[in-house]
């Protein structure tokens, strides 16, 4: 085939396929390094802390995640002293908002990280093409080897273990809101328990206040 006969769309398509293959390889590599969760339990329960009632007739207004958890609530739950919290909005179309609570001794150590995504906070072109927090939630629930369902919180929830990968932490889908909370105490059992309790506090404050 002569150069002038090569379709103009072919090179961009090949570049896209190449980049997609790299992303898939890196993601699979990250999964390979992870330790599967305990397979003795297929579902994790949660202690209820009141009733959460989102108004499903109206979209939920985006809210700063740092307003959903108080420093004292986290300190009481973990039994440690924390430093200042920091707020960040990621530069991406889904509009992730992140509140990080740092340790008192090391300001760079993230003890609790709360991520919230609202359908209303996404870029219009995503919503217009049908993308929602439900798709985000499903995309981070990577495998039943690495995640476990969590009962009685939100519409759906799963636990992805302690760590810093996208699937780690407690993930909750409730109405048009996706919430992810990571607790890093050094004890995975304690992390799970604290994540459930703090997630309920945050959701109650978001939907009931």
N, C-alpha and C. Protein backbone atom coordinates (compact mmCIF):
# COMPACT_ATOMS: atom_id res chain seq x y z
N UNK A 1 0.86 -1.19 0.00
CA UNK A 1 0.00 0.00 0.00
C UNK A 1 0.89 1.24 0.00
N UNK A 2 0.62 2.13 -0.94
CA UNK A 2 1.38 3.37 -0.98
C UNK A 2 0.99 4.27 0.17
N UNK A 3 1.92 5.19 0.55
CA UNK A 3 1.68 6.07 1.69
C UNK A 3 0.42 6.88 1.51
N UNK A 4 0.16 7.33 0.28
CA UNK A 4 -1.01 8.18 0.08
C UNK A 4 -2.33 7.41 0.18
N UNK A 5 -2.23 6.04 0.12
CA UNK A 5 -3.43 5.23 0.22
C UNK A 5 -3.78 4.85 1.66
N UNK A 6 -2.90 5.20 2.64
CA UNK A 6 -3.16 4.86 4.04
C UNK A 6 -4.29 5.75 4.57
N UNK A 7 -5.35 5.14 5.10
CA UNK A 7 -6.46 5.96 5.63
C UNK A 7 -5.99 6.89 6.73
N UNK A 8 -6.53 8.10 6.76
CA UNK A 8 -6.13 9.09 7.76
C UNK A 8 -6.49 8.66 9.17
N UNK A 9 -7.54 7.83 9.31
CA UNK A 9 -7.99 7.44 10.64
C UNK A 9 -7.14 6.34 11.25
N UNK A 10 -6.31 5.67 10.42
CA UNK A 10 -5.61 4.47 10.90
C UNK A 10 -4.60 4.79 12.00
N UNK A 11 -3.77 5.83 11.79
CA UNK A 11 -2.73 6.14 12.78
C UNK A 11 -3.32 6.52 14.13
N UNK A 12 -4.32 7.43 14.21
CA UNK A 12 -4.92 7.72 15.52
C UNK A 12 -5.53 6.49 16.19
N UNK A 13 -6.13 5.61 15.38
CA UNK A 13 -6.72 4.40 15.95
C UNK A 13 -5.65 3.50 16.55
N UNK A 14 -4.52 3.36 15.85
CA UNK A 14 -3.43 2.53 16.37
C UNK A 14 -2.85 3.12 17.65
N UNK A 15 -2.72 4.45 17.69
CA UNK A 15 -2.21 5.10 18.89
C UNK A 15 -3.15 4.86 20.07
N UNK A 16 -4.46 4.98 19.83
CA UNK A 16 -5.44 4.75 20.89
C UNK A 16 -5.37 3.32 21.41
N UNK A 17 -5.27 2.34 20.50
CA UNK A 17 -5.18 0.93 20.91
C UNK A 17 -3.92 0.69 21.72
N UNK A 18 -2.80 1.31 21.30
CA UNK A 18 -1.54 1.15 22.02
C UNK A 18 -1.63 1.70 23.44
N UNK A 19 -2.21 2.91 23.59
CA UNK A 19 -2.35 3.51 24.91
C UNK A 19 -3.29 2.71 25.80
N UNK A 20 -4.37 2.21 25.22
CA UNK A 20 -5.31 1.40 25.99
C UNK A 20 -4.65 0.13 26.50
N UNK A 21 -3.78 -0.46 25.66
CA UNK A 21 -3.07 -1.68 26.07
C UNK A 21 -2.13 -1.39 27.23
N UNK A 22 -1.47 -0.23 27.21
CA UNK A 22 -0.56 0.13 28.31
C UNK A 22 -1.33 0.30 29.61
N UNK A 23 -2.47 1.01 29.55
CA UNK A 23 -3.29 1.21 30.75
C UNK A 23 -3.77 -0.12 31.31
N UNK A 24 -4.23 -1.02 30.43
CA UNK A 24 -4.70 -2.33 30.88
C UNK A 24 -3.58 -3.13 31.53
N UNK A 25 -2.36 -3.04 30.95
CA UNK A 25 -1.22 -3.76 31.50
C UNK A 25 -0.87 -3.26 32.90
N UNK A 26 -0.83 -1.93 33.07
CA UNK A 26 -0.48 -1.36 34.37
C UNK A 26 -1.54 -1.69 35.42
N UNK A 27 -2.82 -1.68 35.01
CA UNK A 27 -3.88 -2.00 35.96
C UNK A 27 -3.79 -3.45 36.40
N UNK A 28 -3.56 -4.37 35.43
CA UNK A 28 -3.43 -5.79 35.76
C UNK A 28 -2.21 -6.04 36.62
N UNK A 29 -1.14 -5.30 36.36
CA UNK A 29 0.07 -5.44 37.16
C UNK A 29 -0.19 -5.05 38.61
N UNK A 30 -0.99 -3.97 38.81
CA UNK A 30 -1.33 -3.55 40.16
C UNK A 30 -2.16 -4.60 40.87
N UNK A 31 -3.09 -5.25 40.14
CA UNK A 31 -3.89 -6.31 40.74
C UNK A 31 -3.03 -7.49 41.15
N UNK A 32 -2.03 -7.78 40.32
CA UNK A 32 -1.17 -8.92 40.60
C UNK A 32 -0.38 -8.75 41.87
N UNK A 33 -0.07 -7.52 42.25
CA UNK A 33 0.71 -7.25 43.45
C UNK A 33 -0.14 -7.24 44.70
N UNK A 34 -1.47 -7.18 44.55
CA UNK A 34 -2.35 -7.07 45.71
C UNK A 34 -2.58 -8.44 46.33
N UNK A 35 -2.85 -8.43 47.61
CA UNK A 35 -3.16 -9.65 48.34
C UNK A 35 -4.68 -9.80 48.42
N UNK A 36 -5.25 -10.92 47.94
CA UNK A 36 -6.70 -11.09 47.99
C UNK A 36 -7.23 -11.01 49.41
N UNK A 37 -8.47 -10.53 49.56
CA UNK A 37 -9.11 -10.47 50.86
C UNK A 37 -9.43 -11.87 51.34
N UNK A 38 -9.65 -12.01 52.63
CA UNK A 38 -10.00 -13.28 53.24
C UNK A 38 -11.25 -13.85 52.56
N UNK A 39 -11.13 -15.04 51.96
CA UNK A 39 -12.23 -15.62 51.21
C UNK A 39 -13.22 -16.38 52.10
N UNK A 40 -13.01 -16.40 53.40
CA UNK A 40 -13.92 -17.11 54.29
C UNK A 40 -15.24 -16.38 54.44
N UNK A 41 -15.28 -15.12 54.14
CA UNK A 41 -16.51 -14.34 54.28
C UNK A 41 -16.84 -13.68 52.95
N UNK A 42 -18.05 -13.90 52.43
CA UNK A 42 -18.43 -13.33 51.14
C UNK A 42 -19.09 -11.97 51.29
N UNK A 43 -19.49 -11.62 52.51
CA UNK A 43 -20.14 -10.33 52.74
C UNK A 43 -19.79 -9.83 54.12
N UNK A 44 -19.73 -8.51 54.26
CA UNK A 44 -19.36 -7.88 55.52
C UNK A 44 -20.55 -7.07 56.01
N UNK A 45 -20.87 -7.20 57.28
CA UNK A 45 -22.00 -6.45 57.84
C UNK A 45 -21.55 -5.11 58.38
N UNK A 46 -22.50 -4.28 58.70
CA UNK A 46 -22.20 -2.96 59.24
C UNK A 46 -23.21 -2.64 60.34
N UNK A 47 -22.76 -1.96 61.36
CA UNK A 47 -23.65 -1.53 62.44
C UNK A 47 -24.42 -0.30 61.97
N UNK A 48 -25.74 -0.37 62.01
CA UNK A 48 -26.54 0.76 61.56
C UNK A 48 -26.45 1.92 62.55
N UNK A 49 -26.48 3.12 62.02
CA UNK A 49 -26.39 4.31 62.87
C UNK A 49 -27.44 5.32 62.44
N UNK A 50 -28.69 4.92 62.50
CA UNK A 50 -29.75 5.83 62.08
C UNK A 50 -30.18 5.55 60.65
N UNK A 51 -31.18 6.27 60.21
CA UNK A 51 -31.75 6.06 58.88
C UNK A 51 -31.35 7.21 57.96
N UNK A 52 -30.86 6.84 56.78
CA UNK A 52 -30.41 7.84 55.80
C UNK A 52 -31.46 7.93 54.70
N UNK A 53 -31.96 9.12 54.46
CA UNK A 53 -33.08 9.29 53.54
C UNK A 53 -32.76 10.33 52.46
N UNK A 54 -32.11 9.91 51.37
CA UNK A 54 -31.91 10.86 50.28
C UNK A 54 -33.23 11.19 49.59
N UNK A 55 -33.36 12.42 49.14
CA UNK A 55 -34.54 12.84 48.37
C UNK A 55 -34.30 12.43 46.92
N UNK A 56 -34.87 11.30 46.53
CA UNK A 56 -34.60 10.76 45.20
C UNK A 56 -35.39 11.48 44.10
N UNK A 57 -36.14 12.50 44.47
CA UNK A 57 -36.85 13.28 43.46
C UNK A 57 -35.97 14.38 42.88
N UNK A 58 -34.92 14.74 43.61
CA UNK A 58 -34.07 15.85 43.20
C UNK A 58 -32.60 15.41 43.21
N UNK A 59 -31.77 15.97 42.33
CA UNK A 59 -30.34 15.67 42.38
C UNK A 59 -29.71 16.24 43.64
N UNK A 60 -28.72 15.54 44.15
CA UNK A 60 -28.02 15.99 45.35
C UNK A 60 -27.03 17.08 45.01
N UNK A 61 -27.07 18.16 45.74
CA UNK A 61 -26.15 19.28 45.51
C UNK A 61 -24.75 18.92 46.00
N UNK A 62 -23.72 19.10 45.18
CA UNK A 62 -22.35 18.80 45.61
C UNK A 62 -21.98 19.57 46.88
N UNK A 63 -21.22 18.91 47.73
CA UNK A 63 -20.85 19.49 49.03
C UNK A 63 -19.41 19.12 49.37
N UNK A 64 -18.71 20.04 49.98
CA UNK A 64 -17.33 19.84 50.41
C UNK A 64 -17.26 18.65 51.37
N UNK A 65 -16.48 17.60 51.04
CA UNK A 65 -16.41 16.44 51.94
C UNK A 65 -15.83 16.76 53.31
N UNK A 66 -15.05 17.84 53.42
CA UNK A 66 -14.50 18.21 54.73
C UNK A 66 -15.59 18.70 55.69
N UNK A 67 -16.78 18.99 55.14
CA UNK A 67 -17.90 19.40 56.00
C UNK A 67 -18.72 18.19 56.45
N UNK A 68 -18.38 17.00 55.97
CA UNK A 68 -19.16 15.81 56.28
C UNK A 68 -18.59 15.02 57.45
N UNK A 69 -17.34 15.25 57.79
CA UNK A 69 -16.71 14.59 58.94
C UNK A 69 -16.01 15.64 59.78
N UNK A 70 -16.21 15.59 61.08
CA UNK A 70 -15.54 16.49 61.99
C UNK A 70 -14.26 15.84 62.52
N UNK A 71 -13.25 16.66 62.74
CA UNK A 71 -11.97 16.17 63.24
C UNK A 71 -12.16 15.37 64.53
N UNK A 72 -12.99 15.89 65.43
CA UNK A 72 -13.21 15.23 66.72
C UNK A 72 -13.87 13.87 66.56
N UNK A 73 -14.73 13.72 65.57
CA UNK A 73 -15.39 12.43 65.34
C UNK A 73 -14.38 11.36 64.94
N UNK A 74 -13.44 11.74 64.09
CA UNK A 74 -12.41 10.79 63.66
C UNK A 74 -11.47 10.47 64.82
N UNK A 75 -11.08 11.48 65.57
CA UNK A 75 -10.18 11.26 66.71
C UNK A 75 -10.83 10.34 67.74
N UNK A 76 -12.11 10.53 68.01
CA UNK A 76 -12.82 9.68 68.96
C UNK A 76 -12.89 8.24 68.46
N UNK A 77 -13.10 8.08 67.18
CA UNK A 77 -13.23 6.73 66.61
C UNK A 77 -11.90 5.99 66.60
N UNK A 78 -10.82 6.68 66.24
CA UNK A 78 -9.52 6.03 66.10
C UNK A 78 -8.68 6.10 67.37
N UNK A 79 -9.05 7.01 68.27
CA UNK A 79 -8.28 7.14 69.51
C UNK A 79 -6.92 7.77 69.33
N UNK A 80 -6.79 8.61 68.32
CA UNK A 80 -5.52 9.30 68.07
C UNK A 80 -5.79 10.77 67.81
N UNK A 81 -4.73 11.57 67.89
CA UNK A 81 -4.85 12.99 67.60
C UNK A 81 -4.46 13.24 66.16
N UNK A 82 -5.24 14.08 65.49
CA UNK A 82 -4.98 14.40 64.10
C UNK A 82 -4.49 15.83 63.94
N UNK A 83 -3.87 16.09 62.79
CA UNK A 83 -3.47 17.44 62.44
C UNK A 83 -4.55 18.10 61.60
N UNK A 84 -4.15 18.99 60.73
CA UNK A 84 -5.10 19.71 59.90
C UNK A 84 -5.61 18.83 58.76
N UNK A 85 -6.80 19.17 58.27
CA UNK A 85 -7.34 18.50 57.09
C UNK A 85 -7.03 19.34 55.86
N UNK A 86 -7.04 18.70 54.70
CA UNK A 86 -6.80 19.42 53.44
C UNK A 86 -7.88 19.04 52.44
N UNK A 87 -8.26 20.00 51.59
CA UNK A 87 -9.32 19.80 50.60
C UNK A 87 -8.74 19.91 49.20
N UNK A 88 -9.24 19.05 48.31
CA UNK A 88 -8.73 19.04 46.94
C UNK A 88 -9.86 18.66 45.99
N UNK A 89 -9.91 19.32 44.85
CA UNK A 89 -10.80 18.93 43.76
C UNK A 89 -9.91 18.46 42.61
N UNK A 90 -10.07 17.23 42.19
CA UNK A 90 -9.21 16.69 41.15
C UNK A 90 -9.54 17.33 39.80
N UNK A 91 -8.53 17.42 38.97
CA UNK A 91 -8.68 18.02 37.65
C UNK A 91 -9.09 16.94 36.66
N UNK A 92 -10.32 16.46 36.81
CA UNK A 92 -10.83 15.44 35.89
C UNK A 92 -12.32 15.65 35.68
N UNK A 93 -12.90 15.05 34.64
CA UNK A 93 -14.31 15.31 34.32
C UNK A 93 -15.30 14.81 35.36
N UNK A 94 -14.91 13.82 36.19
CA UNK A 94 -15.89 13.29 37.14
C UNK A 94 -16.04 14.17 38.37
N UNK A 95 -15.12 15.10 38.59
CA UNK A 95 -15.27 16.05 39.69
C UNK A 95 -15.07 15.48 41.07
N UNK A 96 -14.10 14.60 41.24
CA UNK A 96 -13.81 14.05 42.56
C UNK A 96 -13.41 15.15 43.54
N UNK A 97 -14.03 15.14 44.71
CA UNK A 97 -13.64 16.04 45.78
C UNK A 97 -13.07 15.21 46.92
N UNK A 98 -11.92 15.63 47.44
CA UNK A 98 -11.18 14.82 48.40
C UNK A 98 -10.88 15.63 49.65
N UNK A 99 -11.17 15.04 50.80
CA UNK A 99 -10.77 15.62 52.08
C UNK A 99 -9.83 14.64 52.75
N UNK A 100 -8.64 15.10 53.09
CA UNK A 100 -7.64 14.25 53.72
C UNK A 100 -7.35 14.75 55.13
N UNK A 101 -7.42 13.84 56.08
CA UNK A 101 -7.11 14.15 57.48
C UNK A 101 -5.74 13.56 57.80
N UNK A 102 -4.82 14.42 58.18
CA UNK A 102 -3.43 14.01 58.39
C UNK A 102 -3.15 13.72 59.86
N UNK A 103 -2.08 12.94 60.08
CA UNK A 103 -1.67 12.66 61.45
C UNK A 103 -1.07 13.89 62.11
N UNK A 104 -1.15 13.97 63.42
CA UNK A 104 -0.65 15.14 64.15
C UNK A 104 0.87 15.22 64.09
N UNK A 105 1.54 14.07 64.11
CA UNK A 105 3.00 14.06 64.14
C UNK A 105 3.62 14.22 62.76
N UNK A 106 2.92 13.72 61.75
CA UNK A 106 3.43 13.80 60.38
C UNK A 106 2.33 14.35 59.51
N UNK A 107 2.45 15.62 59.14
CA UNK A 107 1.41 16.27 58.35
C UNK A 107 1.19 15.66 56.99
N UNK A 108 2.17 14.89 56.49
CA UNK A 108 2.04 14.27 55.18
C UNK A 108 1.40 12.89 55.24
N UNK A 109 1.20 12.37 56.45
CA UNK A 109 0.63 11.03 56.58
C UNK A 109 -0.89 11.10 56.52
N UNK A 110 -1.51 10.53 55.47
CA UNK A 110 -2.98 10.54 55.39
C UNK A 110 -3.57 9.44 56.27
N UNK A 111 -4.24 9.82 57.34
CA UNK A 111 -4.87 8.85 58.23
C UNK A 111 -6.25 8.47 57.71
N UNK A 112 -7.01 9.47 57.29
CA UNK A 112 -8.33 9.25 56.71
C UNK A 112 -8.45 10.07 55.43
N UNK A 113 -8.97 9.43 54.40
CA UNK A 113 -9.15 10.11 53.11
C UNK A 113 -10.59 9.85 52.66
N UNK A 114 -11.34 10.93 52.53
CA UNK A 114 -12.74 10.84 52.12
C UNK A 114 -12.90 11.42 50.72
N UNK A 115 -13.39 10.60 49.81
CA UNK A 115 -13.61 11.02 48.42
C UNK A 115 -15.11 10.99 48.15
N UNK A 116 -15.64 12.06 47.58
CA UNK A 116 -17.06 12.11 47.25
C UNK A 116 -17.22 12.58 45.81
N UNK A 117 -18.08 11.89 45.07
CA UNK A 117 -18.40 12.28 43.69
C UNK A 117 -19.92 12.37 43.57
N UNK A 118 -20.39 13.46 43.00
CA UNK A 118 -21.82 13.68 42.80
C UNK A 118 -22.12 13.66 41.30
N UNK A 119 -23.25 13.09 40.92
CA UNK A 119 -23.65 13.18 39.52
C UNK A 119 -23.66 14.64 39.06
N UNK A 120 -24.17 15.52 39.93
CA UNK A 120 -24.28 16.93 39.59
C UNK A 120 -22.92 17.62 39.48
N UNK A 121 -21.88 17.00 40.01
CA UNK A 121 -20.56 17.59 39.94
C UNK A 121 -19.76 17.16 38.73
N UNK A 122 -20.31 16.22 37.95
CA UNK A 122 -19.61 15.75 36.75
C UNK A 122 -19.76 16.75 35.61
N UNK A 123 -18.82 16.70 34.69
CA UNK A 123 -18.90 17.56 33.51
C UNK A 123 -20.16 17.21 32.71
N UNK A 124 -20.81 18.23 32.13
CA UNK A 124 -22.06 17.98 31.41
C UNK A 124 -21.94 16.93 30.31
N UNK A 125 -20.80 16.87 29.60
CA UNK A 125 -20.70 15.92 28.50
C UNK A 125 -20.75 14.48 29.00
N UNK A 126 -20.29 14.23 30.23
CA UNK A 126 -20.38 12.88 30.80
C UNK A 126 -21.83 12.52 31.09
N UNK A 127 -22.54 13.43 31.75
CA UNK A 127 -23.95 13.17 32.07
C UNK A 127 -24.79 13.04 30.81
N UNK A 128 -24.49 13.85 29.81
CA UNK A 128 -25.24 13.80 28.56
C UNK A 128 -25.05 12.48 27.83
N UNK A 129 -23.92 11.82 28.09
CA UNK A 129 -23.65 10.52 27.47
C UNK A 129 -23.98 9.36 28.39
N UNK A 130 -24.72 9.65 29.47
CA UNK A 130 -25.24 8.59 30.32
C UNK A 130 -24.33 8.11 31.42
N UNK A 131 -23.17 8.76 31.60
CA UNK A 131 -22.25 8.32 32.65
C UNK A 131 -22.74 8.83 34.01
N UNK A 132 -22.59 8.01 35.03
CA UNK A 132 -23.07 8.37 36.36
C UNK A 132 -22.15 7.79 37.42
N UNK A 133 -22.44 8.12 38.69
CA UNK A 133 -21.65 7.57 39.79
C UNK A 133 -21.79 6.06 39.86
N UNK A 134 -22.88 5.52 39.34
CA UNK A 134 -23.03 4.07 39.30
C UNK A 134 -21.96 3.41 38.45
N UNK A 135 -21.61 4.03 37.33
CA UNK A 135 -20.55 3.50 36.48
C UNK A 135 -19.19 3.60 37.18
N UNK A 136 -18.97 4.71 37.88
CA UNK A 136 -17.72 4.88 38.62
C UNK A 136 -17.59 3.81 39.70
N UNK A 137 -18.66 3.59 40.44
CA UNK A 137 -18.67 2.57 41.50
C UNK A 137 -18.36 1.19 40.91
N UNK A 138 -19.04 0.84 39.83
CA UNK A 138 -18.83 -0.47 39.22
C UNK A 138 -17.41 -0.63 38.70
N UNK A 139 -16.85 0.45 38.17
CA UNK A 139 -15.50 0.38 37.62
C UNK A 139 -14.44 0.16 38.68
N UNK A 140 -14.70 0.57 39.90
CA UNK A 140 -13.71 0.39 40.97
C UNK A 140 -13.91 -0.91 41.75
N UNK A 141 -15.02 -1.57 41.51
CA UNK A 141 -15.26 -2.88 42.11
C UNK A 141 -14.63 -3.93 41.20
N UNK A 142 -13.30 -4.02 41.26
CA UNK A 142 -12.53 -4.69 40.23
C UNK A 142 -12.70 -6.19 40.17
N UNK A 143 -12.82 -6.85 41.31
CA UNK A 143 -12.84 -8.31 41.31
C UNK A 143 -13.27 -8.81 42.68
N UNK A 144 -14.02 -9.94 42.69
CA UNK A 144 -14.43 -10.48 43.99
C UNK A 144 -13.27 -11.13 44.73
N UNK A 145 -12.11 -11.19 44.11
CA UNK A 145 -10.90 -11.65 44.83
C UNK A 145 -10.35 -10.54 45.71
N UNK A 146 -10.61 -9.31 45.34
CA UNK A 146 -10.01 -8.17 46.04
C UNK A 146 -11.04 -7.30 46.75
N UNK A 147 -12.31 -7.53 46.50
CA UNK A 147 -13.35 -6.73 47.15
C UNK A 147 -14.42 -7.65 47.72
N UNK A 148 -15.08 -7.17 48.77
CA UNK A 148 -16.17 -7.92 49.39
C UNK A 148 -17.37 -6.99 49.58
N UNK A 149 -18.59 -7.50 49.31
CA UNK A 149 -19.78 -6.68 49.54
C UNK A 149 -19.92 -6.32 51.01
N UNK A 150 -20.46 -5.14 51.26
CA UNK A 150 -20.76 -4.69 52.62
C UNK A 150 -22.26 -4.47 52.70
N UNK A 151 -22.89 -5.11 53.68
CA UNK A 151 -24.34 -5.05 53.79
C UNK A 151 -24.81 -3.83 54.57
N UNK A 152 -26.04 -3.41 54.28
CA UNK A 152 -26.77 -2.44 55.11
C UNK A 152 -26.16 -1.05 55.14
N UNK A 153 -25.53 -0.65 54.06
CA UNK A 153 -25.06 0.74 53.97
C UNK A 153 -25.20 1.19 52.52
N UNK A 154 -25.94 2.27 52.32
CA UNK A 154 -26.16 2.77 50.98
C UNK A 154 -27.02 1.83 50.15
N UNK A 155 -27.08 2.09 48.84
CA UNK A 155 -27.75 1.18 47.91
C UNK A 155 -26.87 -0.03 47.64
N UNK A 156 -25.57 0.22 47.55
CA UNK A 156 -24.58 -0.84 47.39
C UNK A 156 -23.30 -0.37 48.07
N UNK A 157 -22.49 -1.33 48.51
CA UNK A 157 -21.20 -0.97 49.11
C UNK A 157 -20.27 -2.17 49.02
N UNK A 158 -18.97 -1.88 48.95
CA UNK A 158 -17.98 -2.96 49.01
C UNK A 158 -16.73 -2.46 49.73
N UNK A 159 -15.99 -3.42 50.27
CA UNK A 159 -14.73 -3.16 50.97
C UNK A 159 -13.60 -3.71 50.12
N UNK A 160 -12.59 -2.85 49.86
CA UNK A 160 -11.47 -3.25 49.02
C UNK A 160 -10.17 -3.40 49.78
N UNK A 161 -10.24 -3.52 51.11
CA UNK A 161 -9.03 -3.67 51.90
C UNK A 161 -8.34 -2.34 52.15
N UNK A 162 -7.34 -2.38 53.03
CA UNK A 162 -6.57 -1.17 53.33
C UNK A 162 -5.53 -0.95 52.23
N UNK A 163 -5.18 0.31 52.00
CA UNK A 163 -4.17 0.62 51.00
C UNK A 163 -4.49 1.88 50.24
N UNK A 164 -3.75 2.10 49.16
CA UNK A 164 -3.87 3.35 48.41
C UNK A 164 -4.30 3.12 46.95
N UNK A 165 -4.63 1.89 46.58
CA UNK A 165 -5.09 1.64 45.22
C UNK A 165 -6.52 2.15 45.07
N UNK A 166 -6.97 2.29 43.81
CA UNK A 166 -8.30 2.83 43.54
C UNK A 166 -9.40 1.99 44.17
N UNK A 167 -9.20 0.68 44.28
CA UNK A 167 -10.24 -0.19 44.81
C UNK A 167 -10.17 -0.36 46.33
N UNK A 168 -9.11 0.15 46.95
CA UNK A 168 -8.97 0.01 48.41
C UNK A 168 -9.97 0.90 49.14
N UNK A 169 -10.20 0.58 50.41
CA UNK A 169 -11.11 1.36 51.23
C UNK A 169 -12.55 0.88 51.12
N UNK A 170 -13.45 1.64 51.74
CA UNK A 170 -14.88 1.36 51.69
C UNK A 170 -15.52 2.24 50.62
N UNK A 171 -16.25 1.62 49.71
CA UNK A 171 -16.91 2.32 48.61
C UNK A 171 -18.42 2.19 48.80
N UNK A 172 -19.12 3.30 48.71
CA UNK A 172 -20.57 3.31 48.92
C UNK A 172 -21.25 4.05 47.77
N UNK A 173 -22.30 3.45 47.25
CA UNK A 173 -23.15 4.09 46.24
C UNK A 173 -24.51 4.34 46.87
N UNK A 174 -24.93 5.58 46.92
CA UNK A 174 -26.24 5.93 47.48
C UNK A 174 -26.87 7.01 46.62
N UNK A 175 -27.95 6.64 45.95
CA UNK A 175 -28.68 7.54 45.06
C UNK A 175 -27.74 8.08 43.98
N UNK A 176 -27.45 9.37 43.98
CA UNK A 176 -26.60 9.95 42.94
C UNK A 176 -25.25 10.39 43.52
N UNK A 177 -24.81 9.69 44.56
CA UNK A 177 -23.55 10.02 45.24
C UNK A 177 -22.69 8.77 45.38
N UNK A 178 -21.41 8.93 45.08
CA UNK A 178 -20.42 7.88 45.32
C UNK A 178 -19.47 8.37 46.40
N UNK A 179 -19.23 7.52 47.39
CA UNK A 179 -18.35 7.87 48.50
C UNK A 179 -17.30 6.78 48.67
N UNK A 180 -16.06 7.20 48.84
CA UNK A 180 -14.97 6.26 49.15
C UNK A 180 -14.22 6.80 50.36
N UNK A 181 -14.01 5.93 51.35
CA UNK A 181 -13.28 6.35 52.53
C UNK A 181 -12.17 5.35 52.83
N UNK A 182 -10.97 5.87 53.00
CA UNK A 182 -9.81 5.06 53.36
C UNK A 182 -9.35 5.45 54.75
N UNK A 183 -9.21 4.46 55.62
CA UNK A 183 -8.65 4.66 56.96
C UNK A 183 -7.36 3.86 57.04
N UNK A 184 -6.29 4.49 57.46
CA UNK A 184 -4.99 3.82 57.51
C UNK A 184 -4.43 3.88 58.93
N UNK A 185 -4.86 2.89 59.74
CA UNK A 185 -4.41 2.82 61.13
C UNK A 185 -3.30 1.79 61.32
N UNK A 186 -3.06 0.98 60.28
CA UNK A 186 -2.10 -0.11 60.41
C UNK A 186 -2.75 -1.42 60.79
N UNK A 187 -4.06 -1.40 61.06
CA UNK A 187 -4.82 -2.60 61.44
C UNK A 187 -6.03 -2.68 60.51
N UNK A 188 -6.03 -3.64 59.57
CA UNK A 188 -7.09 -3.68 58.57
C UNK A 188 -8.47 -3.89 59.17
N UNK A 189 -8.56 -4.71 60.22
CA UNK A 189 -9.86 -4.91 60.88
C UNK A 189 -10.38 -3.62 61.47
N UNK A 190 -9.50 -2.86 62.09
CA UNK A 190 -9.87 -1.57 62.66
C UNK A 190 -10.22 -0.58 61.55
N UNK A 191 -9.48 -0.64 60.44
CA UNK A 191 -9.75 0.24 59.30
C UNK A 191 -11.16 0.02 58.77
N UNK A 192 -11.54 -1.25 58.62
CA UNK A 192 -12.88 -1.57 58.11
C UNK A 192 -13.96 -1.06 59.05
N UNK A 193 -13.82 -1.35 60.33
CA UNK A 193 -14.83 -0.93 61.31
C UNK A 193 -14.97 0.59 61.34
N UNK A 194 -13.83 1.28 61.37
CA UNK A 194 -13.87 2.75 61.41
C UNK A 194 -14.43 3.32 60.12
N UNK A 195 -14.08 2.72 58.98
CA UNK A 195 -14.58 3.21 57.69
C UNK A 195 -16.09 3.14 57.62
N UNK A 196 -16.66 2.04 58.11
CA UNK A 196 -18.12 1.90 58.09
C UNK A 196 -18.79 2.96 58.96
N UNK A 197 -18.28 3.14 60.16
CA UNK A 197 -18.89 4.10 61.08
C UNK A 197 -18.75 5.53 60.58
N UNK A 198 -17.58 5.87 60.04
CA UNK A 198 -17.37 7.23 59.55
C UNK A 198 -18.16 7.49 58.28
N UNK A 199 -18.30 6.47 57.43
CA UNK A 199 -19.10 6.63 56.21
C UNK A 199 -20.56 6.91 56.56
N UNK A 200 -21.08 6.23 57.56
CA UNK A 200 -22.46 6.47 57.99
C UNK A 200 -22.64 7.88 58.52
N UNK A 201 -21.67 8.35 59.29
CA UNK A 201 -21.73 9.73 59.80
C UNK A 201 -21.77 10.72 58.64
N UNK A 202 -20.88 10.51 57.65
CA UNK A 202 -20.81 11.42 56.50
C UNK A 202 -22.10 11.40 55.70
N UNK A 203 -22.67 10.22 55.47
CA UNK A 203 -23.89 10.11 54.68
C UNK A 203 -25.09 10.70 55.42
N UNK A 204 -25.16 10.47 56.71
CA UNK A 204 -26.25 11.07 57.50
C UNK A 204 -26.18 12.59 57.44
N UNK A 205 -24.97 13.11 57.54
CA UNK A 205 -24.81 14.57 57.52
C UNK A 205 -25.17 15.13 56.13
N UNK A 206 -24.82 14.39 55.10
CA UNK A 206 -25.09 14.84 53.74
C UNK A 206 -26.59 14.84 53.43
N UNK A 207 -27.27 13.77 53.80
CA UNK A 207 -28.66 13.60 53.37
C UNK A 207 -29.70 14.00 54.42
N UNK A 208 -29.31 14.05 55.69
CA UNK A 208 -30.30 14.32 56.73
C UNK A 208 -30.20 15.72 57.33
N UNK A 209 -29.16 16.46 56.99
CA UNK A 209 -29.02 17.81 57.57
C UNK A 209 -29.29 18.87 56.52
